[in-house]
């Protein structure tokens, strides 16, 4: 099966019908692997350590030109000040279509508690980014496509500037995040002469959670949830997550399970007529903090009756923490201490 033909059809339909073929950095479940900064700019520099995270995601093993994603992010406080900076670069490829982007972030953290022992902090973050979209048409002739679509060049590109803004609130073991991604409207991105364009990529993301542990226990548990809403298409989805930590002599062993479900269904034909289904992902993940290093593996299974491929989504996260300060908060807050 030639995946490229299906990807081309999907790109044309998505751009022309709902106008959101690509929206910047894709939002998967990798934020659960100590990587909240990927989706919330206000999390830049929130921790006691500066962080570097590298992720690689592969999908549908065995299929030609299957979707893949690579990200590299770093964030840190600026000295002992309440300000922080961060940066993200990524490459996302799906069949003929690809996008490469980068973001720079500034965040500011306000302490409301009278001392640094009790955590009560409000954070603001702003990211500005450039994204280049590319449609590789060099193989369209060999696959029997109409050459008129290559009139504008074999690799048409478009570049978009946009910003993300959000805030986070941490109160002892509780946290909440709200982010608006792609705040600005695009001028209309056209990748071919058919005039297919889209301008509203705005997405709202809300996350909250709390960490619980018994006094003196090496175990802790972190239930959390995320809600995502896309403005242009009025699509919504949610994540329900449970993460567990175990303190070890060498560091921390952690893992968990995430369930994502779309609130919007898609109709399809089967033997009984027209049926519908909603997108569902089940994602187990496992990670370890060893001294200053972080390693995590994530696997996502698409639990729908009609799917392109039964293969899953594999993702690896590598991380390094440096310039660490003393754990000054008396809280069970892994993202901070």
Protein backbone atom coordinates (compact mmCIF):
# COMPACT_ATOMS: atom_id res chain seq x y z
CA UNK A 1 0.00 0.00 0.00
CA UNK A 2 1.38 3.39 -1.00
CA UNK A 3 0.88 5.69 1.97
CA UNK A 4 1.76 8.80 -0.04
CA UNK A 5 -1.43 8.61 -2.12
CA UNK A 6 -3.55 8.47 1.02
CA UNK A 7 -1.61 11.32 2.62
CA UNK A 8 -2.11 13.54 -0.44
CA UNK A 9 -5.85 12.91 -0.44
CA UNK A 10 -6.00 13.59 3.30
CA UNK A 11 -4.05 16.84 2.95
CA UNK A 12 -6.31 18.18 0.18
CA UNK A 13 -9.50 17.24 2.02
CA UNK A 14 -8.38 18.60 5.36
CA UNK A 15 -7.14 21.91 3.98
CA UNK A 16 -10.16 22.53 1.77
CA UNK A 17 -12.85 21.27 4.18
CA UNK A 18 -11.71 22.29 7.63
CA UNK A 19 -8.65 24.43 6.97
CA UNK A 20 -6.27 22.93 9.50
CA UNK A 21 -3.98 20.45 7.76
CA UNK A 22 -1.07 21.49 9.96
CA UNK A 23 -1.03 23.63 13.06
CA UNK A 24 2.55 23.83 14.26
CA UNK A 25 4.02 21.43 16.78
CA UNK A 26 1.68 18.40 17.03
CA UNK A 27 0.15 17.70 20.43
CA UNK A 28 0.67 14.11 21.46
CA UNK A 29 1.17 12.57 24.93
CA UNK A 30 4.89 13.36 25.22
CA UNK A 31 4.11 16.16 27.69
CA UNK A 32 3.63 13.41 30.29
CA UNK A 33 7.30 12.42 30.04
CA UNK A 34 8.47 15.46 32.06
CA UNK A 35 7.97 17.69 29.03
CA UNK A 36 5.06 20.06 29.78
CA UNK A 37 7.05 22.90 28.22
CA UNK A 38 6.30 21.44 24.75
CA UNK A 39 2.65 22.50 25.06
CA UNK A 40 2.69 25.18 27.77
CA UNK A 41 5.19 28.08 27.36
CA UNK A 42 4.57 29.14 30.97
CA UNK A 43 6.41 25.97 32.10
CA UNK A 44 9.74 27.28 30.83
CA UNK A 45 12.16 27.54 33.75
CA UNK A 46 9.59 26.48 36.31
CA UNK A 47 11.76 23.66 37.67
CA UNK A 48 14.77 23.88 39.96
CA UNK A 49 16.91 22.56 37.09
CA UNK A 50 17.51 23.68 33.55
CA UNK A 51 16.22 21.03 31.15
CA UNK A 52 17.07 19.66 27.72
CA UNK A 53 14.68 17.19 26.10
CA UNK A 54 15.03 15.30 22.81
CA UNK A 55 12.12 13.24 21.43
CA UNK A 56 11.73 11.01 18.39
CA UNK A 57 8.35 9.63 17.33
CA UNK A 58 7.65 7.00 14.65
CA UNK A 59 4.29 5.77 13.43
CA UNK A 60 3.03 2.74 11.47
CA UNK A 61 6.25 0.75 11.13
CA UNK A 62 6.57 -0.89 7.72
CA UNK A 63 4.66 1.80 5.80
CA UNK A 64 6.40 4.05 3.29
CA UNK A 65 6.72 7.67 4.41
CA UNK A 66 4.77 7.09 7.61
CA UNK A 67 4.39 10.10 9.94
CA UNK A 68 7.40 10.96 12.09
CA UNK A 69 8.28 13.75 14.50
CA UNK A 70 11.48 14.94 16.15
CA UNK A 71 11.68 17.70 18.77
CA UNK A 72 14.51 19.34 20.71
CA UNK A 73 13.69 21.69 23.58
CA UNK A 74 15.59 23.50 26.31
CA UNK A 75 14.47 25.84 29.08
CA UNK A 76 16.04 27.46 32.14
CA UNK A 77 15.70 30.22 34.73
CA UNK A 78 17.79 33.31 34.13
CA UNK A 79 20.11 33.10 37.14
CA UNK A 80 18.19 33.59 40.40
CA UNK A 81 15.63 35.91 38.81
CA UNK A 82 11.93 35.07 38.39
CA UNK A 83 12.38 35.16 34.59
CA UNK A 84 13.11 32.21 32.32
CA UNK A 85 13.81 31.46 28.68
CA UNK A 86 13.29 28.45 26.43
CA UNK A 87 13.58 27.23 22.86
CA UNK A 88 12.00 24.48 20.76
CA UNK A 89 12.91 23.21 17.30
CA UNK A 90 11.06 20.40 15.56
CA UNK A 91 10.61 18.53 12.30
CA UNK A 92 7.27 16.91 11.44
CA UNK A 93 6.79 14.80 8.29
CA UNK A 94 3.70 13.04 6.98
CA UNK A 95 3.93 11.60 3.47
CA UNK A 96 4.42 14.41 0.96
CA UNK A 97 3.83 17.10 3.55
CA UNK A 98 6.39 18.31 6.09
CA UNK A 99 6.90 21.23 8.40
CA UNK A 100 9.93 22.53 10.24
CA UNK A 101 9.63 25.07 13.01
CA UNK A 102 11.24 26.81 15.93
CA UNK A 103 10.01 28.76 18.97
CA UNK A 104 11.66 31.12 21.43
CA UNK A 105 10.01 31.55 24.85
CA UNK A 106 10.04 34.05 27.66
CA UNK A 107 8.37 33.15 30.97
CA UNK A 108 7.95 34.96 34.27
CA UNK A 109 7.17 33.33 37.64
CA UNK A 110 5.46 35.19 40.50
CA UNK A 111 5.66 33.82 44.05
CA UNK A 112 2.62 34.53 46.25
CA UNK A 113 3.79 32.66 49.35
CA UNK A 114 5.69 34.51 52.07
CA UNK A 115 8.61 32.09 51.82
CA UNK A 116 10.01 29.65 49.29
CA UNK A 117 9.02 26.57 51.31
CA UNK A 118 5.28 26.65 50.57
CA UNK A 119 4.76 26.57 46.81
CA UNK A 120 2.24 29.15 45.59
CA UNK A 121 3.31 30.41 42.17
CA UNK A 122 1.70 31.94 39.09
CA UNK A 123 3.63 31.76 35.82
CA UNK A 124 3.18 33.48 32.48
CA UNK A 125 4.77 32.41 29.21
CA UNK A 126 4.96 33.74 25.65
CA UNK A 127 6.43 31.84 22.69
CA UNK A 128 7.08 33.26 19.24
CA UNK A 129 7.76 30.89 16.38
CA UNK A 130 8.41 30.49 12.67
CA UNK A 131 7.05 27.46 10.79
CA UNK A 132 7.93 26.47 7.23
CA UNK A 133 5.47 24.21 5.41
CA UNK A 134 6.57 22.17 2.42
CA UNK A 135 4.71 19.99 -0.08
CA UNK A 136 7.04 17.64 -2.00
CA UNK A 137 5.53 17.09 -5.46
CA UNK A 138 8.65 15.64 -7.07
CA UNK A 139 7.18 12.13 -7.25
CA UNK A 140 3.67 13.07 -8.33
CA UNK A 141 4.35 12.36 -12.02
CA UNK A 142 5.65 8.86 -11.31
CA UNK A 143 2.53 8.14 -9.27
CA UNK A 144 0.24 9.22 -12.10
CA UNK A 145 -0.89 12.60 -10.75
CA UNK A 146 -1.98 15.47 -12.97
CA UNK A 147 1.13 17.62 -13.69
CA UNK A 148 -0.90 20.83 -13.39
CA UNK A 149 -0.48 20.62 -9.61
CA UNK A 150 3.27 21.14 -10.05
CA UNK A 151 2.86 24.37 -11.99
CA UNK A 152 4.02 26.36 -9.00
CA UNK A 153 7.16 24.27 -8.50
CA UNK A 154 7.99 20.76 -7.35
CA UNK A 155 8.49 21.79 -3.71
CA UNK A 156 6.26 24.77 -2.90
CA UNK A 157 6.81 26.21 0.57
CA UNK A 158 5.09 28.69 2.84
CA UNK A 159 6.27 30.31 6.06
CA UNK A 160 4.10 31.35 8.98
CA UNK A 161 4.84 33.41 12.09
CA UNK A 162 2.71 32.88 15.17
CA UNK A 163 2.72 33.11 18.96
CA UNK A 164 1.55 30.96 21.88
CA UNK A 165 0.55 32.44 25.23
CA UNK A 166 -0.43 30.86 28.51
CA UNK A 167 -0.17 30.71 32.27
CA UNK A 168 0.39 28.08 34.95
CA UNK A 169 -0.55 27.99 38.60
CA UNK A 170 1.12 25.76 41.21
CA UNK A 171 -0.21 25.46 44.76
CA UNK A 172 1.73 22.89 46.79
CA UNK A 173 0.82 19.58 45.05
CA UNK A 174 -1.81 21.04 42.68
CA UNK A 175 -1.22 22.56 39.26
CA UNK A 176 -3.24 24.01 36.38
CA UNK A 177 -2.22 25.30 32.93
CA UNK A 178 -4.07 27.26 30.26
CA UNK A 179 -2.49 27.97 26.86
CA UNK A 180 -3.69 29.52 23.62
CA UNK A 181 -1.62 28.28 20.68
CA UNK A 182 -1.39 30.07 17.34
CA UNK A 183 -2.95 33.27 18.65
CA UNK A 184 -2.52 35.18 15.37
CA UNK A 185 -4.48 34.57 12.19
CA UNK A 186 -2.39 33.64 9.18
CA UNK A 187 -2.63 35.66 5.99
CA UNK A 188 -3.70 32.47 4.23
CA UNK A 189 -1.12 29.83 3.35
CA UNK A 190 -1.30 28.54 -0.25
CA UNK A 191 0.83 25.57 -1.27
CA UNK A 192 -0.51 25.23 -4.81
CA UNK A 193 -2.49 27.09 -7.46
CA UNK A 194 -5.79 25.59 -6.40
CA UNK A 195 -6.02 28.31 -3.74
CA UNK A 196 -6.37 25.94 -0.80
CA UNK A 197 -5.65 28.05 2.27
CA UNK A 198 -6.28 28.27 5.97
CA UNK A 199 -5.83 31.10 8.43
CA UNK A 200 -7.20 30.17 11.86
CA UNK A 201 -5.04 27.61 13.68
CA UNK A 202 -6.01 28.73 17.20
CA UNK A 203 -6.06 25.93 19.77
CA UNK A 204 -6.95 26.14 23.47
CA UNK A 205 -5.33 23.72 25.93
CA UNK A 206 -6.28 23.35 29.58
CA UNK A 207 -4.47 20.96 31.93
CA UNK A 208 -4.76 20.27 35.65
CA UNK A 209 -3.59 17.65 38.11
CA UNK A 210 -2.51 16.85 41.65
CA UNK A 211 0.10 14.60 43.22
CA UNK A 212 -0.73 12.43 46.23
CA UNK A 213 1.48 10.37 48.51
CA UNK A 214 1.37 8.89 51.97
CA UNK A 215 3.74 10.44 54.51
CA UNK A 216 7.05 8.59 54.51
CA UNK A 217 6.16 6.48 51.46
CA UNK A 218 8.42 6.14 48.41
CA UNK A 219 5.36 5.97 46.18
CA UNK A 220 3.33 8.88 44.81
CA UNK A 221 0.43 9.13 42.36
CA UNK A 222 -0.46 11.92 39.97
CA UNK A 223 -3.89 11.94 38.28
CA UNK A 224 -4.26 14.64 35.64
CA UNK A 225 -6.43 15.69 32.72
CA UNK A 226 -6.09 17.80 29.59
CA UNK A 227 -8.79 19.38 27.42
CA UNK A 228 -8.06 20.64 23.90
CA UNK A 229 -10.31 22.72 21.63
CA UNK A 230 -9.60 23.79 18.03
CA UNK A 231 -11.28 27.08 17.21
CA UNK A 232 -11.68 26.83 13.42
CA UNK A 233 -13.16 23.33 13.29
CA UNK A 234 -14.84 23.33 16.72
CA UNK A 235 -13.19 19.99 17.46
CA UNK A 236 -12.59 18.99 21.06
CA UNK A 237 -10.77 16.15 22.81
CA UNK A 238 -9.64 15.25 26.30
CA UNK A 239 -6.91 13.22 28.03
CA UNK A 240 -7.29 11.36 31.32
CA UNK A 241 -3.94 10.36 32.82
CA UNK A 242 -2.54 8.54 35.82
CA UNK A 243 1.17 8.69 36.60
CA UNK A 244 3.02 6.83 39.35
CA UNK A 245 6.44 7.59 40.88
CA UNK A 246 8.73 5.32 42.91
CA UNK A 247 11.76 6.79 44.64
CA UNK A 248 14.85 4.62 44.15
CA UNK A 249 18.45 4.79 45.36
CA UNK A 250 19.60 5.92 41.89
CA UNK A 251 16.76 8.35 41.23
CA UNK A 252 13.09 7.95 40.34
CA UNK A 253 11.25 5.27 38.38
CA UNK A 254 7.92 6.41 36.95
CA UNK A 255 5.24 5.36 34.51
CA UNK A 256 1.58 5.61 33.79
CA UNK A 257 -1.33 5.38 31.41
CA UNK A 258 -3.12 7.99 29.31
CA UNK A 259 -6.46 7.80 27.52
CA UNK A 260 -7.36 10.33 24.81
CA UNK A 261 -10.82 10.61 23.26
CA UNK A 262 -12.23 12.98 20.70
CA UNK A 263 -15.65 14.47 21.40
CA UNK A 264 -16.37 14.61 17.66
CA UNK A 265 -17.14 11.54 15.56
CA UNK A 266 -16.44 10.59 11.95
CA UNK A 267 -18.95 8.71 9.80
CA UNK A 268 -18.05 5.74 7.58
CA UNK A 269 -19.80 3.04 5.59
CA UNK A 270 -19.91 -0.56 6.75
CA UNK A 271 -22.06 -3.61 6.00
CA UNK A 272 -24.90 -2.29 8.13
CA UNK A 273 -24.95 1.19 6.62
CA UNK A 274 -23.50 4.41 7.99
CA UNK A 275 -21.64 4.14 11.30
CA UNK A 276 -19.59 6.59 13.30
CA UNK A 277 -16.61 6.41 15.59
CA UNK A 278 -14.57 8.77 17.73
CA UNK A 279 -10.79 8.94 17.84
CA UNK A 280 -9.36 7.08 20.83
CA UNK A 281 -5.77 6.59 21.97
CA UNK A 282 -4.50 4.42 24.80
CA UNK A 283 -0.95 5.38 25.77
CA UNK A 284 1.19 3.59 28.35
CA UNK A 285 4.54 5.19 29.18
CA UNK A 286 7.56 4.35 31.31
CA UNK A 287 10.52 6.47 32.37
CA UNK A 288 13.45 6.76 34.72
CA UNK A 289 15.39 9.66 36.23
CA UNK A 290 18.97 8.51 36.76
CA UNK A 291 21.10 11.20 38.37
CA UNK A 292 20.82 14.08 35.88
CA UNK A 293 19.57 11.98 32.96
CA UNK A 294 16.02 11.15 31.88
CA UNK A 295 14.88 8.33 29.62
CA UNK A 296 11.28 7.53 28.68
CA UNK A 297 9.39 5.35 26.22
CA UNK A 298 5.81 6.00 25.10
CA UNK A 299 3.55 3.75 23.04
CA UNK A 300 0.17 4.88 21.69
CA UNK A 301 -2.45 2.47 20.42
CA UNK A 302 -5.34 3.79 18.33
CA UNK A 303 -8.39 2.01 19.71
CA UNK A 304 -10.82 2.50 16.82
CA UNK A 305 -12.69 -0.09 14.77
CA UNK A 306 -11.61 1.51 11.47
CA UNK A 307 -7.93 2.50 11.29
CA UNK A 308 -5.36 2.89 8.52
CA UNK A 309 -2.93 0.51 10.20
CA UNK A 310 -2.97 -1.57 13.39
CA UNK A 311 0.60 -0.54 14.14
CA UNK A 312 1.15 1.84 17.03
CA UNK A 313 3.01 5.04 17.70
CA UNK A 314 6.44 4.69 19.32
CA UNK A 315 8.22 7.59 20.98
CA UNK A 316 11.49 7.90 22.88
CA UNK A 317 12.44 10.83 25.11
CA UNK A 318 15.99 11.58 26.23
CA UNK A 319 16.67 14.34 28.73
CA UNK A 320 19.37 16.02 30.74
CA UNK A 321 19.02 18.30 33.79
CA UNK A 322 21.75 20.78 34.72
CA UNK A 323 22.39 23.90 36.80
CA UNK A 324 20.18 22.40 39.49
CA UNK A 325 19.40 24.35 42.65
CA UNK A 326 18.37 23.03 46.03
CA UNK A 327 14.88 21.53 46.28
CA UNK A 328 13.40 24.39 48.27
CA UNK A 329 9.67 23.57 48.25
CA UNK A 330 8.01 21.28 50.77
CA UNK A 331 5.68 19.70 48.25
CA UNK A 332 5.30 16.55 46.24
CA UNK A 333 5.69 18.38 42.91
CA UNK A 334 7.95 16.52 40.44
CA UNK A 335 7.68 19.21 37.76
CA UNK A 336 9.12 21.81 40.17
CA UNK A 337 11.52 20.14 42.61
